[in-house]
Amino acid sequence: MSDPNEALAAYARAIMGGVGAERIVGREERNESWREADCEVTLRQRDYRFDNGVLVRRAIEMDDYPSELACSECWITYEVLELGMSPGIEPLRKSFDNACREAYWLRYHADAAF
């Protein structure tokens, strides 16, 4: 028997402007920043409302600390806040410690459809 749940990756891909982006019917954004030790930290949260009532938050927290890494550390989280008319979404929350890991996850799940 197939799993009726939808993939969070499909919603994330739409948020990033890929397949399904036309299903986003609303967006709210909140930004804040603060000093921590010797760097400035910025948090950007965007809540995306889809045409089926699903509400997903994408949050990115990053600092301005110099890094020599090809993919510098930041904290990215996708979180389902409301299921709307969806039968279920898995996982309900997914976090990454850099944008390269997020991009890999999105590519890995590229075949997941809405």
PDB file of N, CA and C in Angstrom:
ATOM      1  N   MET A   1       0.848  -1.180   0.000  1.00  0.00           N
ATOM      2  CA  MET A   1       0.000   0.000   0.000  1.00  0.00           C
ATOM      3  C   MET A   1       0.892   1.242   0.000  1.00  0.00           C
ATOM      4  N   SER A   2       0.557   2.237  -0.811  1.00  0.00           N
ATOM      5  CA  SER A   2       1.396   3.423  -0.915  1.00  0.00           C
ATOM      6  C   SER A   2       1.104   4.397   0.227  1.00  0.00           C
ATOM      7  N   ASP A   3       2.117   5.181   0.552  1.00  0.00           N
ATOM      8  CA  ASP A   3       2.021   6.164   1.618  1.00  0.00           C
ATOM      9  C   ASP A   3       1.287   7.402   1.092  1.00  0.00           C
ATOM     10  N   PRO A   4       0.186   7.815   1.734  1.00  0.00           N
ATOM     11  CA  PRO A   4      -0.563   8.972   1.242  1.00  0.00           C
ATOM     12  C   PRO A   4       0.105  10.309   1.568  1.00  0.00           C
ATOM     13  N   ASN A   5       1.141  10.288   2.397  1.00  0.00           N
ATOM     14  CA  ASN A   5       1.784  11.534   2.796  1.00  0.00           C
ATOM     15  C   ASN A   5       2.557  12.160   1.643  1.00  0.00           C
ATOM     16  N   GLU A   6       2.606  13.486   1.660  1.00  0.00           N
ATOM     17  CA  GLU A   6       3.366  14.238   0.670  1.00  0.00           C
ATOM     18  C   GLU A   6       4.779  14.468   1.203  1.00  0.00           C
ATOM     19  N   ALA A   7       5.703  14.755   0.300  1.00  0.00           N
ATOM     20  CA  ALA A   7       7.094  14.993   0.691  1.00  0.00           C
ATOM     21  C   ALA A   7       7.313  16.477   0.977  1.00  0.00           C
ATOM     22  N   LEU A   8       7.933  16.778   2.118  1.00  0.00           N
ATOM     23  CA  LEU A   8       8.292  18.153   2.438  1.00  0.00           C
ATOM     24  C   LEU A   8       9.188  18.726   1.345  1.00  0.00           C
ATOM     25  N   ALA A   9      10.022  17.888   0.738  1.00  0.00           N
ATOM     26  CA  ALA A   9      10.937  18.353  -0.310  1.00  0.00           C
ATOM     27  C   ALA A   9      10.187  18.983  -1.478  1.00  0.00           C
ATOM     28  N   ALA A  10       9.000  18.492  -1.803  1.00  0.00           N
ATOM     29  CA  ALA A  10       8.223  19.071  -2.903  1.00  0.00           C
ATOM     30  C   ALA A  10       7.814  20.507  -2.571  1.00  0.00           C
ATOM     31  N   TYR A  11       7.430  20.754  -1.333  1.00  0.00           N
ATOM     32  CA  TYR A  11       7.081  22.110  -0.911  1.00  0.00           C
ATOM     33  C   TYR A  11       8.331  22.989  -0.879  1.00  0.00           C
ATOM     34  N   ALA A  12       9.445  22.440  -0.402  1.00  0.00           N
ATOM     35  CA  ALA A  12      10.697  23.195  -0.357  1.00  0.00           C
ATOM     36  C   ALA A  12      11.134  23.589  -1.764  1.00  0.00           C
ATOM     37  N   ARG A  13      10.989  22.674  -2.706  1.00  0.00           N
ATOM     38  CA  ARG A  13      11.365  22.960  -4.090  1.00  0.00           C
ATOM     39  C   ARG A  13      10.506  24.108  -4.645  1.00  0.00           C
ATOM     40  N   ALA A  14       9.224  24.109  -4.331  1.00  0.00           N
ATOM     41  CA  ALA A  14       8.346  25.202  -4.762  1.00  0.00           C
ATOM     42  C   ALA A  14       8.789  26.524  -4.135  1.00  0.00           C
ATOM     43  N   ILE A  15       9.146  26.492  -2.864  1.00  0.00           N
ATOM     44  CA  ILE A  15       9.620  27.687  -2.169  1.00  0.00           C
ATOM     45  C   ILE A  15      10.859  28.247  -2.850  1.00  0.00           C
ATOM     46  N   MET A  16      11.709  27.366  -3.340  1.00  0.00           N
ATOM     47  CA  MET A  16      12.945  27.786  -4.001  1.00  0.00           C
ATOM     48  C   MET A  16      12.712  28.186  -5.463  1.00  0.00           C
ATOM     49  N   GLY A  17      11.451  28.206  -5.892  1.00  0.00           N
ATOM     50  CA  GLY A  17      11.131  28.670  -7.236  1.00  0.00           C
ATOM     51  C   GLY A  17      11.040  27.584  -8.283  1.00  0.00           C
ATOM     52  N   GLY A  18      11.046  26.344  -7.863  1.00  0.00           N
ATOM     53  CA  GLY A  18      10.978  25.229  -8.800  1.00  0.00           C
ATOM     54  C   GLY A  18       9.551  24.804  -9.084  1.00  0.00           C
ATOM     55  N   VAL A  19       9.402  23.549  -9.450  1.00  0.00           N
ATOM     56  CA  VAL A  19       8.090  22.978  -9.771  1.00  0.00           C
ATOM     57  C   VAL A  19       7.134  23.188  -8.600  1.00  0.00           C
ATOM     58  N   GLY A  20       5.950  23.675  -8.897  1.00  0.00           N
ATOM     59  CA  GLY A  20       4.946  23.892  -7.861  1.00  0.00           C
ATOM     60  C   GLY A  20       4.928  25.302  -7.310  1.00  0.00           C
ATOM     61  N   ALA A  21       5.857  26.158  -7.742  1.00  0.00           N
ATOM     62  CA  ALA A  21       5.931  27.522  -7.208  1.00  0.00           C
ATOM     63  C   ALA A  21       4.633  28.288  -7.429  1.00  0.00           C
ATOM     64  N   GLU A  22       3.929  27.950  -8.506  1.00  0.00           N
ATOM     65  CA  GLU A  22       2.670  28.643  -8.794  1.00  0.00           C
ATOM     66  C   GLU A  22       1.600  28.333  -7.758  1.00  0.00           C
ATOM     67  N   ARG A  23       1.812  27.317  -6.940  1.00  0.00           N
ATOM     68  CA  ARG A  23       0.844  26.955  -5.901  1.00  0.00           C
ATOM     69  C   ARG A  23       0.980  27.818  -4.650  1.00  0.00           C
ATOM     70  N   ILE A  24       2.008  28.643  -4.573  1.00  0.00           N
ATOM     71  CA  ILE A  24       2.188  29.533  -3.419  1.00  0.00           C
ATOM     72  C   ILE A  24       1.246  30.717  -3.591  1.00  0.00           C
ATOM     73  N   VAL A  25       0.357  30.895  -2.619  1.00  0.00           N
ATOM     74  CA  VAL A  25      -0.650  31.954  -2.722  1.00  0.00           C
ATOM     75  C   VAL A  25      -0.405  33.098  -1.738  1.00  0.00           C
ATOM     76  N   GLY A  26       0.563  32.948  -0.843  1.00  0.00           N
ATOM     77  CA  GLY A  26       0.866  34.006   0.108  1.00  0.00           C
ATOM     78  C   GLY A  26       2.221  33.799   0.747  1.00  0.00           C
ATOM     79  N   ARG A  27       2.815  34.914   1.172  1.00  0.00           N
ATOM     80  CA  ARG A  27       4.122  34.843   1.819  1.00  0.00           C
ATOM     81  C   ARG A  27       4.239  35.975   2.828  1.00  0.00           C
ATOM     82  N   GLU A  28       4.724  35.640   4.023  1.00  0.00           N
ATOM     83  CA  GLU A  28       5.012  36.641   5.054  1.00  0.00           C
ATOM     84  C   GLU A  28       6.465  36.485   5.457  1.00  0.00           C
ATOM     85  N   GLU A  29       7.129  37.615   5.685  1.00  0.00           N
ATOM     86  CA  GLU A  29       8.557  37.577   6.011  1.00  0.00           C
ATOM     87  C   GLU A  29       8.833  38.342   7.295  1.00  0.00           C
ATOM     88  N   ARG A  30       9.788  37.818   8.054  1.00  0.00           N
ATOM     89  CA  ARG A  30      10.235  38.473   9.287  1.00  0.00           C
ATOM     90  C   ARG A  30      11.752  38.369   9.331  1.00  0.00           C
ATOM     91  N   ASN A  31      12.413  39.479   9.586  1.00  0.00           N
ATOM     92  CA  ASN A  31      13.870  39.512   9.680  1.00  0.00           C
ATOM     93  C   ASN A  31      14.277  40.106  11.015  1.00  0.00           C
ATOM     94  N   GLU A  32      15.343  39.569  11.570  1.00  0.00           N
ATOM     95  CA  GLU A  32      15.920  40.167  12.772  1.00  0.00           C
ATOM     96  C   GLU A  32      17.415  39.885  12.782  1.00  0.00           C
ATOM     97  N   SER A  33      18.143  40.711  13.502  1.00  0.00           N
ATOM     98  CA  SER A  33      19.585  40.494  13.630  1.00  0.00           C
ATOM     99  C   SER A  33      20.027  40.916  15.019  1.00  0.00           C
ATOM    100  N   TRP A  34      21.143  40.349  15.453  1.00  0.00           N
ATOM    101  CA  TRP A  34      21.689  40.630  16.766  1.00  0.00           C
ATOM    102  C   TRP A  34      23.185  40.334  16.754  1.00  0.00           C
ATOM    103  N   ARG A  35      23.872  40.850  17.749  1.00  0.00           N
ATOM    104  CA  ARG A  35      25.312  40.608  17.887  1.00  0.00           C
ATOM    105  C   ARG A  35      25.523  39.441  18.831  1.00  0.00           C
ATOM    106  N   GLU A  36      26.451  38.598  18.447  1.00  0.00           N
ATOM    107  CA  GLU A  36      26.797  37.429  19.248  1.00  0.00           C
ATOM    108  C   GLU A  36      28.309  37.288  19.203  1.00  0.00           C
ATOM    109  N   ALA A  37      28.959  37.410  20.351  1.00  0.00           N
ATOM    110  CA  ALA A  37      30.427  37.372  20.419  1.00  0.00           C
ATOM    111  C   ALA A  37      30.977  38.451  19.485  1.00  0.00           C
ATOM    112  N   ASP A  38      31.746  38.055  18.481  1.00  0.00           N
ATOM    113  CA  ASP A  38      32.357  39.048  17.594  1.00  0.00           C
ATOM    114  C   ASP A  38      31.764  39.026  16.183  1.00  0.00           C
ATOM    115  N   CYS A  39      30.497  38.659  16.075  1.00  0.00           N
ATOM    116  CA  CYS A  39      29.866  38.649  14.751  1.00  0.00           C
ATOM    117  C   CYS A  39      28.397  39.061  14.852  1.00  0.00           C
ATOM    118  N   GLU A  40      27.838  39.406  13.714  1.00  0.00           N
ATOM    119  CA  GLU A  40      26.415  39.730  13.636  1.00  0.00           C
ATOM    120  C   GLU A  40      25.672  38.533  13.069  1.00  0.00           C
ATOM    121  N   VAL A  41      24.568  38.188  13.711  1.00  0.00           N
ATOM    122  CA  VAL A  41      23.745  37.055  13.291  1.00  0.00           C
ATOM    123  C   VAL A  41      22.448  37.605  12.701  1.00  0.00           C
ATOM    124  N   THR A  42      22.036  37.037  11.580  1.00  0.00           N
ATOM    125  CA  THR A  42      20.801  37.441  10.912  1.00  0.00           C
ATOM    126  C   THR A  42      19.880  36.239  10.795  1.00  0.00           C
ATOM    127  N   LEU A  43      18.617  36.443  11.122  1.00  0.00           N
ATOM    128  CA  LEU A  43      17.596  35.407  10.977  1.00  0.00           C
ATOM    129  C   LEU A  43      16.535  35.923  10.015  1.00  0.00           C
ATOM    130  N   ARG A  44      16.270  35.140   8.964  1.00  0.00           N
ATOM    131  CA  ARG A  44      15.206  35.477   8.015  1.00  0.00           C
ATOM    132  C   ARG A  44      14.209  34.329   8.003  1.00  0.00           C
ATOM    133  N   GLN A  45      12.979  34.630   8.370  1.00  0.00           N
ATOM    134  CA  GLN A  45      11.914  33.624   8.356  1.00  0.00           C
ATOM    135  C   GLN A  45      10.873  34.035   7.330  1.00  0.00           C
ATOM    136  N   ARG A  46      10.512  33.085   6.486  1.00  0.00           N
ATOM    137  CA  ARG A  46       9.439  33.315   5.520  1.00  0.00           C
ATOM    138  C   ARG A  46       8.424  32.196   5.670  1.00  0.00           C
ATOM    139  N   ASP A  47       7.168  32.580   5.806  1.00  0.00           N
ATOM    140  CA  ASP A  47       6.070  31.620   5.881  1.00  0.00           C
ATOM    141  C   ASP A  47       5.358  31.612   4.535  1.00  0.00           C
ATOM    142  N   TYR A  48       5.227  30.431   3.943  1.00  0.00           N
ATOM    143  CA  TYR A  48       4.620  30.271   2.622  1.00  0.00           C
ATOM    144  C   TYR A  48       3.291  29.534   2.756  1.00  0.00           C
ATOM    145  N   ARG A  49       2.237  30.145   2.226  1.00  0.00           N
ATOM    146  CA  ARG A  49       0.908  29.537   2.215  1.00  0.00           C
ATOM    147  C   ARG A  49       0.666  28.979   0.813  1.00  0.00           C
ATOM    148  N   PHE A  50       0.273  27.703   0.760  1.00  0.00           N
ATOM    149  CA  PHE A  50       0.003  27.040  -0.508  1.00  0.00           C
ATOM    150  C   PHE A  50      -1.497  26.986  -0.757  1.00  0.00           C
ATOM    151  N   ASP A  51      -1.868  26.744  -2.012  1.00  0.00           N
ATOM    152  CA  ASP A  51      -3.284  26.764  -2.392  1.00  0.00           C
ATOM    153  C   ASP A  51      -4.112  25.662  -1.732  1.00  0.00           C
ATOM    154  N   ASN A  52      -3.472  24.673  -1.127  1.00  0.00           N
ATOM    155  CA  ASN A  52      -4.207  23.626  -0.405  1.00  0.00           C
ATOM    156  C   ASN A  52      -4.258  23.898   1.104  1.00  0.00           C
ATOM    157  N   GLY A  53      -3.839  25.095   1.519  1.00  0.00           N
ATOM    158  CA  GLY A  53      -3.895  25.476   2.923  1.00  0.00           C
ATOM    159  C   GLY A  53      -2.650  25.149   3.728  1.00  0.00           C
ATOM    160  N   VAL A  54      -1.703  24.432   3.148  1.00  0.00           N
ATOM    161  CA  VAL A  54      -0.465  24.088   3.850  1.00  0.00           C
ATOM    162  C   VAL A  54       0.334  25.368   4.101  1.00  0.00           C
ATOM    163  N   LEU A  55       0.925  25.468   5.293  1.00  0.00           N
ATOM    164  CA  LEU A  55       1.777  26.596   5.657  1.00  0.00           C
ATOM    165  C   LEU A  55       3.141  26.042   6.049  1.00  0.00           C
ATOM    166  N   VAL A  56       4.181  26.474   5.331  1.00  0.00           N
ATOM    167  CA  VAL A  56       5.545  26.004   5.576  1.00  0.00           C
ATOM    168  C   VAL A  56       6.429  27.209   5.862  1.00  0.00           C
ATOM    169  N   ARG A  57       7.241  27.099   6.904  1.00  0.00           N
ATOM    170  CA  ARG A  57       8.213  28.144   7.245  1.00  0.00           C
ATOM    171  C   ARG A  57       9.601  27.698   6.795  1.00  0.00           C
ATOM    172  N   ARG A  58      10.302  28.611   6.131  1.00  0.00           N
ATOM    173  CA  ARG A  58      11.720  28.405   5.823  1.00  0.00           C
ATOM    174  C   ARG A  58      12.479  29.476   6.589  1.00  0.00           C
ATOM    175  N   ALA A  59      13.379  29.047   7.459  1.00  0.00           N
ATOM    176  CA  ALA A  59      14.167  29.970   8.272  1.00  0.00           C
ATOM    177  C   ALA A  59      15.639  29.780   7.946  1.00  0.00           C
ATOM    178  N   ILE A  60      16.351  30.893   7.805  1.00  0.00           N
ATOM    179  CA  ILE A  60      17.791  30.858   7.566  1.00  0.00           C
ATOM    180  C   ILE A  60      18.451  31.744   8.609  1.00  0.00           C
ATOM    181  N   GLU A  61      19.377  31.162   9.351  1.00  0.00           N
ATOM    182  CA  GLU A  61      20.160  31.921  10.320  1.00  0.00           C
ATOM    183  C   GLU A  61      21.610  31.859   9.875  1.00  0.00           C
ATOM    184  N   MET A  62      22.233  33.030   9.732  1.00  0.00           N
ATOM    185  CA  MET A  62      23.634  33.066   9.312  1.00  0.00           C
ATOM    186  C   MET A  62      24.351  34.180  10.049  1.00  0.00           C
ATOM    187  N   ASP A  63      25.662  34.055  10.090  1.00  0.00           N
ATOM    188  CA  ASP A  63      26.455  35.097  10.718  1.00  0.00           C
ATOM    189  C   ASP A  63      27.469  35.626   9.712  1.00  0.00           C
ATOM    190  N   ASP A  64      28.111  36.731  10.078  1.00  0.00           N
ATOM    191  CA  ASP A  64      29.087  37.336   9.175  1.00  0.00           C
ATOM    192  C   ASP A  64      30.525  36.973   9.551  1.00  0.00           C
ATOM    193  N   TYR A  65      30.674  35.894  10.316  1.00  0.00           N
ATOM    194  CA  TYR A  65      32.010  35.445  10.703  1.00  0.00           C
ATOM    195  C   TYR A  65      32.731  34.924   9.454  1.00  0.00           C
ATOM    196  N   PRO A  66      33.960  35.391   9.204  1.00  0.00           N
ATOM    197  CA  PRO A  66      34.687  34.958   8.001  1.00  0.00           C
ATOM    198  C   PRO A  66      34.882  33.440   7.970  1.00  0.00           C
ATOM    199  N   SER A  67      34.688  32.865   6.791  1.00  0.00           N
ATOM    200  CA  SER A  67      34.841  31.426   6.626  1.00  0.00           C
ATOM    201  C   SER A  67      35.562  31.139   5.322  1.00  0.00           C
ATOM    202  N   GLU A  68      36.443  30.161   5.357  1.00  0.00           N
ATOM    203  CA  GLU A  68      37.158  29.760   4.149  1.00  0.00           C
ATOM    204  C   GLU A  68      36.521  28.532   3.520  1.00  0.00           C
ATOM    205  N   LEU A  69      35.424  28.068   4.073  1.00  0.00           N
ATOM    206  CA  LEU A  69      34.746  26.892   3.540  1.00  0.00           C
ATOM    207  C   LEU A  69      34.049  27.220   2.228  1.00  0.00           C
ATOM    208  N   ALA A  70      34.033  26.257   1.318  1.00  0.00           N
ATOM    209  CA  ALA A  70      33.345  26.445   0.036  1.00  0.00           C
ATOM    210  C   ALA A  70      31.855  26.659   0.264  1.00  0.00           C
ATOM    211  N   CYS A  71      31.333  26.007   1.270  1.00  0.00           N
ATOM    212  CA  CYS A  71      29.914  26.152   1.600  1.00  0.00           C
ATOM    213  C   CYS A  71      29.845  26.510   3.084  1.00  0.00           C
ATOM    214  N   SER A  72      29.855  27.791   3.365  1.00  0.00           N
ATOM    215  CA  SER A  72      29.960  28.224   4.753  1.00  0.00           C
ATOM    216  C   SER A  72      28.734  27.847   5.577  1.00  0.00           C
ATOM    217  N   GLU A  73      28.989  27.733   6.863  1.00  0.00           N
ATOM    218  CA  GLU A  73      27.966  27.292   7.802  1.00  0.00           C
ATOM    219  C   GLU A  73      26.839  28.319   7.917  1.00  0.00           C
ATOM    220  N   CYS A  74      25.628  27.811   7.875  1.00  0.00           N
ATOM    221  CA  CYS A  74      24.423  28.579   8.180  1.00  0.00           C
ATOM    222  C   CYS A  74      23.404  27.542   8.642  1.00  0.00           C
ATOM    223  N   TRP A  75      22.283  27.981   9.133  1.00  0.00           N
ATOM    224  CA  TRP A  75      21.299  27.040   9.652  1.00  0.00           C
ATOM    225  C   TRP A  75      19.994  27.279   8.914  1.00  0.00           C
ATOM    226  N   ILE A  76      19.551  26.274   8.189  1.00  0.00           N
ATOM    227  CA  ILE A  76      18.344  26.363   7.366  1.00  0.00           C
ATOM    228  C   ILE A  76      17.344  25.342   7.889  1.00  0.00           C
ATOM    229  N   THR A  77      16.122  25.786   8.117  1.00  0.00           N
ATOM    230  CA  THR A  77      15.085  24.892   8.624  1.00  0.00           C
ATOM    231  C   THR A  77      13.801  25.078   7.827  1.00  0.00           C
ATOM    232  N   TYR A  78      13.200  23.953   7.462  1.00  0.00           N
ATOM    233  CA  TYR A  78      11.853  23.935   6.893  1.00  0.00           C
ATOM    234  C   TYR A  78      10.959  23.314   7.953  1.00  0.00           C
ATOM    235  N   GLU A  79       9.815  23.950   8.201  1.00  0.00           N
ATOM    236  CA  GLU A  79       8.903  23.426   9.212  1.00  0.00           C
ATOM    237  C   GLU A  79       7.459  23.598   8.747  1.00  0.00           C
ATOM    238  N   VAL A  80       6.704  22.511   8.796  1.00  0.00           N
ATOM    239  CA  VAL A  80       5.285  22.562   8.449  1.00  0.00           C
ATOM    240  C   VAL A  80       4.537  23.117   9.660  1.00  0.00           C
ATOM    241  N   LEU A  81       3.885  24.260   9.480  1.00  0.00           N
ATOM    242  CA  LEU A  81       3.146  24.895  10.570  1.00  0.00           C
ATOM    243  C   LEU A  81       1.671  24.515  10.556  1.00  0.00           C
ATOM    244  N   GLU A  82       1.121  24.311   9.347  1.00  0.00           N
ATOM    245  CA  GLU A  82      -0.286  23.907   9.204  1.00  0.00           C
ATOM    246  C   GLU A  82      -0.388  22.928   8.045  1.00  0.00           C
ATOM    247  N   LEU A  83      -1.163  21.860   8.239  1.00  0.00           N
ATOM    248  CA  LEU A  83      -1.327  20.846   7.195  1.00  0.00           C
ATOM    249  C   LEU A  83      -2.392  21.208   6.161  1.00  0.00           C
ATOM    250  N   GLY A  84      -3.280  22.128   6.478  1.00  0.00           N
ATOM    251  CA  GLY A  84      -4.329  22.478   5.522  1.00  0.00           C
ATOM    252  C   GLY A  84      -5.106  21.240   5.099  1.00  0.00           C
ATOM    253  N   MET A  85      -5.276  21.051   3.795  1.00  0.00           N
ATOM    254  CA  MET A  85      -6.014  19.898   3.272  1.00  0.00           C
ATOM    255  C   MET A  85      -5.086  18.749   2.882  1.00  0.00           C
ATOM    256  N   SER A  86      -3.822  18.832   3.243  1.00  0.00           N
ATOM    257  CA  SER A  86      -2.876  17.762   2.931  1.00  0.00           C
ATOM    258  C   SER A  86      -3.174  16.543   3.800  1.00  0.00           C
ATOM    259  N   PRO A  87      -3.027  15.333   3.249  1.00  0.00           N
ATOM    260  CA  PRO A  87      -3.226  14.127   4.059  1.00  0.00           C
ATOM    261  C   PRO A  87      -2.100  13.932   5.077  1.00  0.00           C
ATOM    262  N   GLY A  88      -1.010  14.654   4.903  1.00  0.00           N
ATOM    263  CA  GLY A  88       0.149  14.554   5.779  1.00  0.00           C
ATOM    264  C   GLY A  88       1.395  14.900   4.993  1.00  0.00           C
ATOM    265  N   ILE A  89       2.406  15.392   5.685  1.00  0.00           N
ATOM    266  CA  ILE A  89       3.669  15.763   5.045  1.00  0.00           C
ATOM    267  C   ILE A  89       4.787  15.171   5.877  1.00  0.00           C
ATOM    268  N   GLU A  90       5.738  14.549   5.204  1.00  0.00           N
ATOM    269  CA  GLU A  90       6.883  13.963   5.912  1.00  0.00           C
ATOM    270  C   GLU A  90       8.175  14.421   5.281  1.00  0.00           C
ATOM    271  N   PRO A  91       9.160  14.742   6.089  1.00  0.00           N
ATOM    272  CA  PRO A  91       9.047  14.971   7.533  1.00  0.00           C
ATOM    273  C   PRO A  91       8.357  16.310   7.788  1.00  0.00           C
ATOM    274  N   LEU A  92       7.927  16.532   9.002  1.00  0.00           N
ATOM    275  CA  LEU A  92       7.298  17.807   9.348  1.00  0.00           C
ATOM    276  C   LEU A  92       8.334  18.906   9.559  1.00  0.00           C
ATOM    277  N   ARG A  93       9.587  18.500   9.772  1.00  0.00           N
ATOM    278  CA  ARG A  93      10.672  19.461  10.002  1.00  0.00           C
ATOM    279  C   ARG A  93      11.963  18.883   9.445  1.00  0.00           C
ATOM    280  N   LYS A  94      12.752  19.733   8.799  1.00  0.00           N
ATOM    281  CA  LYS A  94      14.044  19.311   8.249  1.00  0.00           C
ATOM    282  C   LYS A  94      15.014  20.464   8.411  1.00  0.00           C
ATOM    283  N   SER A  95      16.228  20.163   8.905  1.00  0.00           N
ATOM    284  CA  SER A  95      17.238  21.195   9.136  1.00  0.00           C
ATOM    285  C   SER A  95      18.536  20.848   8.427  1.00  0.00           C
ATOM    286  N   PHE A  96      19.272  21.888   8.058  1.00  0.00           N
ATOM    287  CA  PHE A  96      20.566  21.746   7.393  1.00  0.00           C
ATOM    288  C   PHE A  96      21.546  22.712   8.038  1.00  0.00           C
ATOM    289  N   ASP A  97      22.845  22.369   7.983  1.00  0.00           N
ATOM    290  CA  ASP A  97      23.843  23.266   8.550  1.00  0.00           C
ATOM    291  C   ASP A  97      24.611  24.040   7.487  1.00  0.00           C
ATOM    292  N   ASN A  98      24.210  23.904   6.215  1.00  0.00           N
ATOM    293  CA  ASN A  98      24.731  24.760   5.152  1.00  0.00           C
ATOM    294  C   ASN A  98      23.862  24.615   3.901  1.00  0.00           C
ATOM    295  N   ALA A  99      24.008  25.550   2.984  1.00  0.00           N
ATOM    296  CA  ALA A  99      23.173  25.565   1.776  1.00  0.00           C
ATOM    297  C   ALA A  99      23.504  24.417   0.832  1.00  0.00           C
ATOM    298  N   CYS A 100      24.719  23.895   0.878  1.00  0.00           N
ATOM    299  CA  CYS A 100      25.086  22.764   0.015  1.00  0.00           C
ATOM    300  C   CYS A 100      24.293  21.515   0.402  1.00  0.00           C
ATOM    301  N   ARG A 101      24.130  21.281   1.678  1.00  0.00           N
ATOM    302  CA  ARG A 101      23.341  20.120   2.131  1.00  0.00           C
ATOM    303  C   ARG A 101      21.874  20.273   1.732  1.00  0.00           C
ATOM    304  N   GLU A 102      21.360  21.494   1.841  1.00  0.00           N
ATOM    305  CA  GLU A 102      19.982  21.755   1.412  1.00  0.00           C
ATOM    306  C   GLU A 102      19.839  21.465  -0.085  1.00  0.00           C
ATOM    307  N   ALA A 103      20.774  21.962  -0.888  1.00  0.00           N
ATOM    308  CA  ALA A 103      20.720  21.759  -2.342  1.00  0.00           C
ATOM    309  C   ALA A 103      20.790  20.275  -2.691  1.00  0.00           C
ATOM    310  N   TYR A 104      21.632  19.524  -1.985  1.00  0.00           N
ATOM    311  CA  TYR A 104      21.736  18.084  -2.234  1.00  0.00           C
ATOM    312  C   TYR A 104      20.403  17.394  -1.934  1.00  0.00           C
ATOM    313  N   TRP A 105      19.798  17.742  -0.800  1.00  0.00           N
ATOM    314  CA  TRP A 105      18.509  17.159  -0.409  1.00  0.00           C
ATOM    315  C   TRP A 105      17.447  17.454  -1.457  1.00  0.00           C
ATOM    316  N   LEU A 106      17.410  18.682  -1.955  1.00  0.00           N
ATOM    317  CA  LEU A 106      16.430  19.045  -2.977  1.00  0.00           C
ATOM    318  C   LEU A 106      16.667  18.265  -4.268  1.00  0.00           C
ATOM    319  N   ARG A 107      17.930  18.112  -4.667  1.00  0.00           N
ATOM    320  CA  ARG A 107      18.234  17.324  -5.877  1.00  0.00           C
ATOM    321  C   ARG A 107      17.871  15.863  -5.678  1.00  0.00           C
ATOM    322  N   TYR A 108      18.183  15.320  -4.510  1.00  0.00           N
ATOM    323  CA  TYR A 108      17.904  13.915  -4.216  1.00  0.00           C
ATOM    324  C   TYR A 108      16.409  13.615  -4.331  1.00  0.00           C
ATOM    325  N   HIS A 109      15.600  14.560  -3.891  1.00  0.00           N
ATOM    326  CA  HIS A 109      14.149  14.367  -3.900  1.00  0.00           C
ATOM    327  C   HIS A 109      13.480  15.029  -5.108  1.00  0.00           C
ATOM    328  N   ALA A 110      14.240  15.302  -6.143  1.00  0.00           N
ATOM    329  CA  ALA A 110      13.711  16.020  -7.312  1.00  0.00           C
ATOM    330  C   ALA A 110      12.577  15.278  -8.001  1.00  0.00           C
ATOM    331  N   ASP A 111      12.504  13.966  -7.855  1.00  0.00           N
ATOM    332  CA  ASP A 111      11.444  13.204  -8.513  1.00  0.00           C
ATOM    333  C   ASP A 111      10.134  13.216  -7.735  1.00  0.00           C
ATOM    334  N   ALA A 112      10.168  13.693  -6.494  1.00  0.00           N
ATOM    335  CA  ALA A 112       8.928  13.747  -5.700  1.00  0.00           C
ATOM    336  C   ALA A 112       7.994  14.767  -6.333  1.00  0.00           C
ATOM    337  N   ALA A 113       6.767  14.389  -6.505  1.00  0.00           N
ATOM    338  CA  ALA A 113       5.801  15.280  -7.167  1.00  0.00           C
ATOM    339  C   ALA A 113       4.751  15.755  -6.181  1.00  0.00           C
ATOM    340  N   PHE A 114       4.133  16.871  -6.509  1.00  0.00           N
ATOM    341  CA  PHE A 114       3.036  17.397  -5.695  1.00  0.00           C
ATOM    342  C   PHE A 114       1.852  16.495  -5.814  1.00  0.00           C
TER     343      PHE A 114
END
